[in-house]
Protein backbone atom coordinates (compact mmCIF):
# COMPACT_ATOMS: atom_id res chain seq x y z
CA MET A 1 110.38 105.73 137.45
CA SER A 2 109.86 106.59 134.05
CA ARG A 3 111.98 110.01 134.90
CA THR A 4 114.94 107.38 135.75
CA LEU A 5 114.97 106.28 132.62
CA ALA A 6 114.19 109.09 131.03
CA ARG A 7 117.68 110.95 132.22
CA VAL A 8 119.44 107.20 130.86
CA GLN A 9 118.25 107.56 127.19
CA TYR A 10 119.53 111.35 127.49
CA VAL A 11 122.76 109.80 128.34
CA LEU A 12 122.75 107.61 125.19
CA MET A 13 121.52 110.28 123.08
CA PHE A 14 124.01 112.73 124.60
CA PRO A 15 127.13 111.90 125.43
CA HIS A 16 128.97 114.94 125.57
CA ALA A 17 129.52 117.09 127.99
CA SER A 18 126.03 116.43 129.68
CA CYS A 19 126.90 113.24 130.18
CA GLY A 20 128.59 113.79 133.85
CA ILE A 21 125.60 115.52 134.93
CA ALA A 22 123.70 112.82 133.51
CA LEU A 23 124.58 110.07 134.70
CA SER A 24 125.51 111.60 138.21
CA ARG A 25 121.99 112.75 138.30
CA LEU A 26 120.90 109.14 137.32
CA LEU A 27 123.24 107.74 140.41
CA SER A 28 121.93 110.44 143.33
CA SER A 29 118.68 109.47 142.28
CA VAL A 30 118.44 106.34 142.65
CA GLY A 31 121.78 105.30 144.81
CA THR A 32 120.07 105.95 148.23
CA SER A 33 117.20 103.67 148.27
CA LEU A 34 119.23 100.93 146.33
CA SER A 35 122.08 100.40 148.40
CA PHE A 36 123.16 96.94 149.68
CA GLY A 37 124.01 96.65 153.54
CA GLY A 38 122.71 100.28 154.53
CA GLY A 39 124.14 101.80 157.73
CA ASP A 40 127.53 101.91 159.11
CA MET A 41 130.41 99.88 159.75
CA ASP A 42 130.43 98.72 163.36
CA ASN A 43 134.38 99.01 164.55
CA ASN A 44 134.69 97.37 161.56
CA ALA A 45 133.27 93.86 162.99
CA PHE A 46 131.77 93.02 159.15
CA GLY A 47 136.37 92.66 158.18
CA LYS A 48 137.08 91.32 161.32
CA LEU A 49 134.54 88.77 161.10
CA ILE A 50 136.01 88.13 157.74
CA ARG A 51 139.59 87.76 158.70
CA ASP A 52 138.42 85.14 161.68
CA CYS A 53 136.71 83.07 159.13
CA ARG A 54 139.50 83.13 156.50
CA GLU A 55 142.10 82.37 159.27
CA GLU A 56 139.50 79.59 161.18
CA HIS A 57 139.96 78.36 157.52
CA GLN A 58 144.07 78.52 157.83
CA TRP A 59 143.62 80.21 154.65
CA LYS A 60 145.78 83.49 153.01
CA GLN A 61 143.96 86.22 151.49
CA GLU A 62 144.88 85.11 148.34
CA GLU A 63 143.64 81.80 148.65
CA LEU A 64 139.98 83.28 149.71
CA ALA A 65 140.43 85.61 146.41
CA GLU A 66 140.64 82.84 144.47
CA ARG A 67 137.84 80.80 145.74
CA TRP A 68 135.81 84.19 145.90
CA GLY A 69 136.79 85.25 142.48
CA PHE A 70 138.10 88.61 143.71
CA THR A 71 141.58 89.54 144.36
CA ARG A 72 144.11 89.50 147.53
CA GLN A 73 143.98 93.28 147.34
CA TYR A 74 140.05 93.36 147.05
CA VAL A 75 140.02 90.86 150.04
CA SER A 76 142.38 93.09 152.12
CA LEU A 77 139.69 96.27 151.81
CA ILE A 78 136.90 94.12 152.96
CA GLU A 79 139.05 93.13 155.61
CA ARG A 80 140.02 96.56 156.66
CA GLY A 81 136.53 98.36 156.54
CA LYS A 82 137.47 99.64 153.57
CA ARG A 83 135.26 98.46 151.57
CA LYS A 84 130.98 97.26 151.34
CA LEU A 85 130.06 94.51 149.46
CA ASP A 86 127.76 95.80 146.62
CA ARG A 87 125.77 93.05 145.91
CA PRO A 88 123.73 90.28 147.93
CA GLU A 89 124.78 87.26 145.04
CA GLN A 90 129.07 88.84 146.86
CA VAL A 91 127.23 88.11 150.13
CA THR A 92 126.02 84.60 149.41
CA ARG A 93 128.93 83.75 147.94
CA LEU A 94 131.32 84.37 150.78
CA ALA A 95 128.62 83.24 153.18
CA ASP A 96 129.11 79.89 151.60
CA ILE A 97 132.78 80.11 151.39
CA LEU A 98 133.21 80.54 155.30
CA SER A 99 131.14 78.15 156.30
CA ILE A 100 128.63 80.81 158.23
CA THR A 101 125.10 81.79 157.38
CA GLU A 102 124.23 84.98 155.32
CA GLU A 103 122.78 86.59 158.15
CA GLN A 104 125.22 86.71 160.28
CA LEU A 105 127.38 88.49 157.63
CA ILE A 106 124.63 90.90 156.66
CA HIS A 107 123.82 91.50 160.56
CA THR A 108 127.55 91.84 161.47
CA GLY A 109 127.84 94.35 158.69
CA LYS A 110 124.79 97.00 160.07
CA LYS A 111 125.23 99.04 162.98
CA ARG A 112 121.42 99.71 162.46
CA PRO A 113 118.86 98.66 160.00
CA PRO A 114 117.70 101.31 157.52
CA GLU A 115 115.60 103.53 158.65
CA ARG A 116 112.78 103.23 155.35
CA PRO A 117 112.06 99.77 153.72
CA VAL A 118 113.15 99.90 149.61
CA GLN A 119 110.92 101.12 147.60
CA GLN A 120 111.97 100.34 144.05
CA SER A 121 111.02 96.18 143.30
CA ALA A 122 114.13 93.68 142.44
CA GLU A 123 112.53 93.91 139.02
CA ASN A 124 112.55 97.78 138.37
CA ASN A 125 116.12 97.42 140.10
CA ASP A 126 117.64 95.17 137.83
CA LEU A 127 116.18 97.51 134.33
CA LEU A 128 117.82 100.21 135.98
CA LEU A 129 120.88 98.70 136.20
CA ARG A 130 121.17 96.97 132.61
CA ALA A 131 120.36 100.58 131.10
CA LEU A 132 123.21 102.02 133.15
CA LEU A 133 124.96 99.10 131.74
CA GLN A 134 123.54 99.64 128.40
CA SER A 135 124.34 103.69 128.62
CA ALA A 136 128.06 103.31 129.69
CA GLU A 137 129.17 100.72 126.95
CA ASN A 138 127.42 102.80 124.49
CA ILE A 139 128.74 106.59 126.21
CA VAL A 140 132.16 104.92 125.67
CA LYS A 141 131.69 103.25 122.21
CA LEU A 142 130.27 106.23 120.85
CA SER A 143 132.99 108.86 122.22
CA TRP A 144 135.72 106.48 121.05
CA SER A 145 133.89 106.43 117.32
CA ILE A 146 133.91 110.12 117.29
CA TRP A 147 137.10 110.79 118.38
CA GLN A 148 138.50 108.71 115.13
CA ASN A 149 137.50 112.22 113.48
CA ARG A 150 138.17 115.21 115.66
CA PRO A 151 139.51 115.14 119.63
CA LEU A 152 137.17 115.13 122.73
CA THR A 153 139.61 115.15 125.41
CA GLY A 154 137.98 117.96 127.01
CA ASP A 155 134.14 116.62 126.79
CA LEU A 156 135.63 113.74 128.29
CA SER A 157 137.37 114.92 130.67
CA ARG A 158 134.66 116.73 132.40
CA LEU A 159 133.02 113.46 132.35
CA GLU A 160 135.78 111.55 133.89
CA ARG A 161 136.42 114.16 136.94
CA ARG A 162 132.30 113.89 137.66
CA LEU A 163 132.14 110.28 137.82
CA SER A 164 135.50 110.42 139.93
CA GLU A 165 133.71 112.81 142.45
CA ASP A 166 130.37 111.05 143.08
CA LEU A 167 132.34 107.99 143.01
CA LEU A 168 133.76 109.33 146.49
CA SER A 169 130.52 109.11 148.32
CA TYR A 170 128.45 106.28 146.00
CA ARG A 171 128.08 103.13 146.91
CA GLY A 172 125.12 101.67 145.88
CA PRO A 173 125.06 98.74 143.10
CA PHE A 174 125.62 100.98 140.27
CA ARG A 175 129.05 101.76 141.58
CA GLN A 176 130.74 98.61 139.74
CA PRO A 177 129.25 99.37 136.10
CA THR A 178 130.17 103.12 137.13
CA LEU A 179 133.80 101.87 137.69
CA HIS A 180 133.51 99.82 134.74
CA LEU A 181 133.16 103.34 132.53
CA LEU A 182 135.39 105.24 134.24
CA ALA A 183 137.96 102.49 133.80
CA PHE A 184 137.21 102.37 129.88
CA LEU A 185 137.30 106.62 130.04
CA HIS A 186 140.81 106.62 131.73
CA GLU A 187 141.88 104.34 128.36
CA CYS A 188 139.99 106.60 125.68
CA LEU A 189 142.03 109.56 127.63
CA GLY A 190 145.46 107.68 127.68
CA ASN A 191 145.14 107.27 124.26
CA GLN A 192 144.35 110.55 123.35
CA ALA A 193 147.09 111.89 125.34
CA ILE A 194 149.83 109.64 123.24
CA ASP A 195 148.35 111.83 120.01
CA GLN A 196 149.13 114.94 121.04
CA MET A 197 152.52 113.17 123.05
CA ALA A 198 152.17 113.72 126.41
CA ASP A 199 153.39 110.75 127.88
CA GLY A 200 153.43 111.34 131.08
CA GLU A 201 149.67 111.88 131.27
CA ALA A 202 149.36 108.95 128.99
CA SER A 203 150.34 106.64 132.12
CA ASP A 204 148.92 108.23 134.66
CA HIS A 205 145.63 107.19 132.56
CA PHE A 206 146.51 104.02 131.94
CA GLN A 207 147.65 103.18 135.94
CA GLN A 208 144.37 104.54 136.91
CA MET A 209 142.85 102.10 134.70
CA TYR A 210 145.11 99.29 136.11
CA ASP A 211 143.88 100.69 139.61
CA ILE A 212 140.11 100.44 138.86
CA ALA A 213 140.81 97.03 137.31
CA GLU A 214 142.26 95.56 140.63
CA GLU A 215 138.86 97.32 142.82
CA LEU A 216 136.94 95.19 140.17
CA GLY A 217 138.75 91.83 140.46
CA ASP A 218 138.40 92.60 136.51
CA ARG A 219 140.94 90.08 135.11
CA ASP A 220 139.99 90.90 131.87
CA LEU A 221 139.92 94.84 132.65
CA LEU A 222 143.58 94.47 134.50
CA CYS A 223 145.30 92.69 131.16
CA LEU A 224 144.26 95.66 128.39
CA ALA A 225 145.43 98.03 131.52
CA MET A 226 149.24 96.46 131.64
CA ILE A 227 148.99 96.21 127.32
CA HIS A 228 149.01 99.90 127.67
CA GLN A 229 151.45 100.23 130.56
CA ALA A 230 153.97 97.46 128.44
CA GLU A 231 153.10 100.16 125.44
CA MET A 232 154.56 103.19 127.46
CA PHE A 233 157.83 101.54 128.89
CA ARG A 234 158.18 100.74 125.40
CA ARG A 235 157.71 104.35 124.03
CA MET A 236 160.25 105.27 126.81
CA ARG A 237 162.33 102.24 125.76
CA ARG A 238 162.65 101.03 128.52
CA PHE A 239 162.49 97.18 127.23
CA GLU A 240 162.85 94.91 129.60
CA PHE A 241 159.82 96.28 131.56
CA SER A 242 157.74 96.73 128.56
CA PHE A 243 158.55 92.65 128.04
CA ARG A 244 157.71 91.88 132.03
CA ARG A 245 154.07 93.71 131.64
CA LEU A 246 153.11 91.81 128.75
CA GLU A 247 153.93 88.43 130.23
CA ALA A 248 152.30 89.60 133.12
CA ALA A 249 149.40 90.19 131.55
CA GLU A 250 149.90 86.74 129.16
CA ARG A 251 149.63 84.55 132.33
CA ARG A 252 146.07 86.75 132.77
CA ALA A 253 144.44 86.80 129.57
CA ALA A 254 141.15 84.63 128.98
CA PRO A 255 139.64 85.53 125.03
CA GLN A 256 140.78 85.05 122.44
CA TRP A 257 141.20 88.37 121.22
CA LEU A 258 142.92 89.78 124.77
CA GLN A 259 145.62 87.28 123.70
CA GLY A 260 145.89 88.49 120.44
CA LEU A 261 146.52 91.77 121.45
CA VAL A 262 149.36 90.72 123.70
CA TRP A 263 151.18 89.13 121.27
CA GLN A 264 150.69 92.21 118.62
CA ASN A 265 152.56 94.02 121.38
CA TYR A 266 155.29 91.55 121.95
CA ALA A 267 155.63 91.97 118.06
CA ARG A 268 155.86 95.58 118.33
CA THR A 269 158.09 95.64 121.15
CA PHE A 270 160.92 93.07 119.52
CA SER A 271 160.86 95.17 116.08
CA VAL A 272 161.30 98.42 117.91
CA TYR A 273 164.11 96.67 119.77
CA GLY A 274 165.59 95.23 116.71
CA ASP A 275 164.88 91.52 117.03
CA GLU A 276 163.75 89.76 113.98
CA GLN A 277 163.33 86.66 115.53
CA GLY A 278 161.43 87.20 118.04
CA PHE A 279 159.19 89.34 116.26
CA LEU A 280 158.29 86.63 113.46
CA ARG A 281 157.32 84.14 116.37
CA ALA A 282 155.25 86.85 117.98
CA ILE A 283 153.27 88.15 115.15
CA ASP A 284 152.94 84.12 113.62
CA ARG A 285 151.72 83.53 117.36
CA ALA A 286 148.73 86.48 117.05
CA GLU A 287 148.25 86.08 113.28
CA SER A 288 146.96 82.58 114.59
CA ILE A 289 144.76 83.88 116.67
CA ALA A 290 143.31 86.32 114.55
CA GLU A 291 142.47 83.43 111.82
CA ARG A 292 140.33 82.07 114.32
CA ILE A 293 137.95 84.75 115.53
CA GLU A 294 135.20 85.70 113.44
CA ALA A 295 133.45 88.87 113.55
CA PRO A 296 135.44 91.28 116.04
CA MET A 297 133.96 93.73 117.64
CA HIS A 298 137.48 94.81 119.52
CA PRO A 299 140.76 96.55 118.38
CA PHE A 300 142.63 93.22 117.47
CA ASP A 301 141.68 91.65 114.21
CA LYS A 302 143.36 90.30 110.85
CA VAL A 303 144.09 93.54 108.97
CA SER A 304 145.42 94.73 112.33
CA VAL A 305 147.86 92.02 112.78
CA LEU A 306 148.89 92.41 109.22
CA GLN A 307 149.54 96.13 109.44
CA GLU A 308 151.34 95.01 112.42
CA ARG A 309 153.67 92.20 110.56
CA ALA A 310 154.12 95.79 107.64
CA GLN A 311 155.36 97.68 110.30
CA GLY A 312 157.59 95.72 111.91
CA TYR A 313 159.14 94.23 108.35
CA THR A 314 159.92 98.13 107.80
CA LEU A 315 161.31 98.80 110.92
CA LEU A 316 163.70 95.64 110.31
CA TRP A 317 164.84 97.39 107.07
CA GLN A 318 162.65 94.77 104.88
CA PRO A 319 160.14 97.12 103.14
CA GLU A 320 159.68 95.09 99.90
CA LYS A 321 157.76 92.78 102.61
CA ALA A 322 155.87 95.27 104.39
CA ILE A 323 154.82 96.64 100.80
CA ALA A 324 153.71 93.46 99.26
CA ILE A 325 151.85 93.31 102.67
CA CYS A 326 150.18 96.53 102.48
CA GLN A 327 149.14 95.61 98.03
CA LYS A 328 146.95 92.77 100.67
CA ILE A 329 145.76 94.79 102.62
CA ASP A 330 144.32 97.14 100.53
CA GLN A 331 141.85 93.85 99.02
CA MET A 332 140.58 93.63 102.70
CA ARG A 333 139.15 96.64 104.13
CA PRO A 334 137.32 99.02 102.26
CA PHE A 335 136.22 101.51 104.33
CA ARG A 336 138.53 103.39 107.07
CA PRO A 337 137.57 106.01 109.47
CA LEU A 338 139.53 109.33 109.17
CA ARG A 339 142.47 108.48 112.46
CA GLU A 340 142.71 104.72 110.62
CA GLN A 341 143.21 105.89 107.18
CA SER A 342 145.90 108.67 108.11
CA SER A 343 147.87 106.04 110.38
CA TYR A 344 147.94 103.58 107.15
CA HIS A 345 148.88 106.16 104.77
CA ILE A 346 151.73 107.13 107.33
CA LEU A 347 152.57 102.96 107.46
CA LYS A 348 152.78 102.75 103.38
CA ALA A 349 155.00 106.16 103.17
CA GLN A 350 157.70 104.57 105.72
CA ALA A 351 157.63 101.50 103.42
CA TYR A 352 157.51 103.01 100.48
CA CYS A 353 160.18 105.59 101.47
CA SER A 354 162.52 102.61 102.85
CA HIS A 355 162.02 101.17 99.75
CA GLY A 356 163.10 103.93 97.49
CA ASP A 357 160.10 104.67 95.98
CA GLN A 358 158.62 107.93 95.32
CA ARG A 359 155.20 106.85 95.60
CA GLY A 360 155.74 107.35 99.60
CA ILE A 361 156.22 110.96 99.22
CA GLU A 362 152.62 110.62 98.05
CA HIS A 363 151.26 108.51 101.02
CA ALA A 364 153.12 110.50 103.40
CA LEU A 365 151.59 113.82 102.26
CA THR A 366 147.96 112.48 102.20
CA GLY A 367 148.56 111.09 106.18
CA LEU A 368 150.07 114.08 106.77
CA ARG A 369 147.12 116.61 105.84
CA MET A 370 145.19 113.66 107.39
CA ALA A 371 147.20 114.34 110.83
CA GLU A 372 146.27 118.31 111.00
CA ILE A 373 142.96 117.69 110.73
CA LEU A 374 142.64 115.06 113.33
CA GLN A 375 145.32 117.56 115.09
CA SER A 376 147.16 114.52 115.74
CA LYS A 377 150.87 115.27 117.27
CA ARG A 378 151.79 111.68 116.94
CA TYR A 379 151.24 110.88 113.59
CA VAL A 380 153.09 113.97 112.73
CA ARG A 381 156.27 112.56 114.60
CA ARG A 382 156.05 109.25 113.32
CA LEU A 383 156.74 110.82 109.82
CA GLN A 384 159.45 112.90 111.30
CA GLN A 385 160.89 110.15 112.77
CA MET A 386 160.77 108.19 108.80
CA CYS A 387 162.84 111.54 107.58
CA ASP A 388 165.50 111.20 110.42
CA ARG A 389 165.51 107.33 109.99
CA LEU A 390 166.49 108.01 105.27
CA ILE A 391 168.09 110.71 106.67
CA ASP A 392 171.75 108.62 105.52
CA LYS A 393 169.99 107.08 102.83
CA HIS A 394 169.33 108.09 99.24
CA MET A 395 166.26 109.04 99.27
CA GLY A 396 166.42 111.27 102.68
CA ARG A 397 168.58 112.96 100.40
CA THR A 398 165.98 113.82 97.38
CA PRO A 399 164.65 117.10 97.21
CA ALA A 400 161.22 115.44 97.38
CA MET A 401 162.08 114.30 101.23
CA GLN A 402 163.24 117.08 102.05
CA ASP A 403 160.52 119.34 100.83
CA LEU A 404 158.17 116.59 103.06
CA ARG A 405 160.62 117.66 105.71
CA ARG A 406 159.86 121.38 105.59
CA GLU A 407 156.29 120.15 105.27
CA ILE A 408 156.20 118.39 108.27
CA LEU A 409 158.24 120.98 110.70
CA THR A 410 155.56 123.26 108.94
CA THR A 411 152.51 121.32 110.62
CA TRP A 412 154.12 120.41 113.94
CA ASP A 413 154.39 124.26 114.53
CA LYS A 414 151.34 124.92 113.31
CA LEU A 415 149.38 121.85 116.12
CA SER A 416 152.29 123.06 118.77
CA HIS A 417 150.43 126.52 118.36
CA HIS A 418 146.81 125.32 118.15
CA ASN A 419 147.67 123.00 121.61
CA SER A 420 149.25 126.49 122.85
CA SER A 421 146.00 128.50 122.01
CA THR A 422 143.63 126.11 122.93
CA MET A 423 145.41 125.87 126.66
CA GLN A 424 144.99 129.50 127.56
């Protein structure tokens, strides 16, 4: 037991290249003795029993899923023998819903009893599970925090591959928390792919995140995946699909911060689309939610909403309003990670340059230097798009803007060469 907990601590302390190995060893060391419902499925007798009981109640799969607290897809997987129940409480709840005994469910789901008794106590099992949950959370948070300063794509990709391979054969009680970790890894890798302008790769990661959320029956995770998918549609300028995805996410969003994130993304899509009234409705809704949230521990807060409002006003050619908002923001957040600093300087560059103010050039150069340190092609592209947008304006024809354009092209070439060398 002490060795297993030591491995958990190791994952907490060193969440980089060794994460996958340490977590995989943890899974393999405890998985076989803690798995619930061991033994092979006997011609899918378990799934057939579930289906027969459901049909006896004259329920559709959707109705059983709603009563059970899972998705229709999850019920379908159970009935077809593609999934096993991971936790005893799932059996207890299902037996209660279907009005049959737990013993009947358990007996039907096993071809033979386990060959040896379980060694760990329930108390130790709970301890290990809590430790894994905490380690998983810390891995993702720490990886994301470090990514604010330098790319971690290689390390996280190796961890994602290792966990995916292990989950092919693992069916113990650690499967669900590990799937949660895997979903957030895909989210992080998707965001990093966007940062490198690899939109196809990003879409794949967010689809993987969505699929895992479906399997888990996790409404919040599903909502978050839909928001990312809406962003990808917007980036491809497929606005109708983006709005549809946001509408689906809106129906599922329960926590206030997720509701706010949905409306913040509505605002971005409306502003890019050029719909000022839609933008104002959405950003007002997002800001009203942000006002009610105290000490947020997630990507939605009042500052992020104000920055979205400033960005929207700039895109809608009202830069003076964006500048006034930036001046307000300057008083609200004294510390920003490097990535956030770069993004904010670029936001201010867009607002000031659109207003014809030379201070925008200074912000652009600062943001560009930070983007080079971060190796962020996305941020460089944002500045390139700003220059293209202003090419017919007086500001776009000034010598300072021409110099900035050359600096942007030079930085883009450096990053492209660096990425090519890294891939080789």
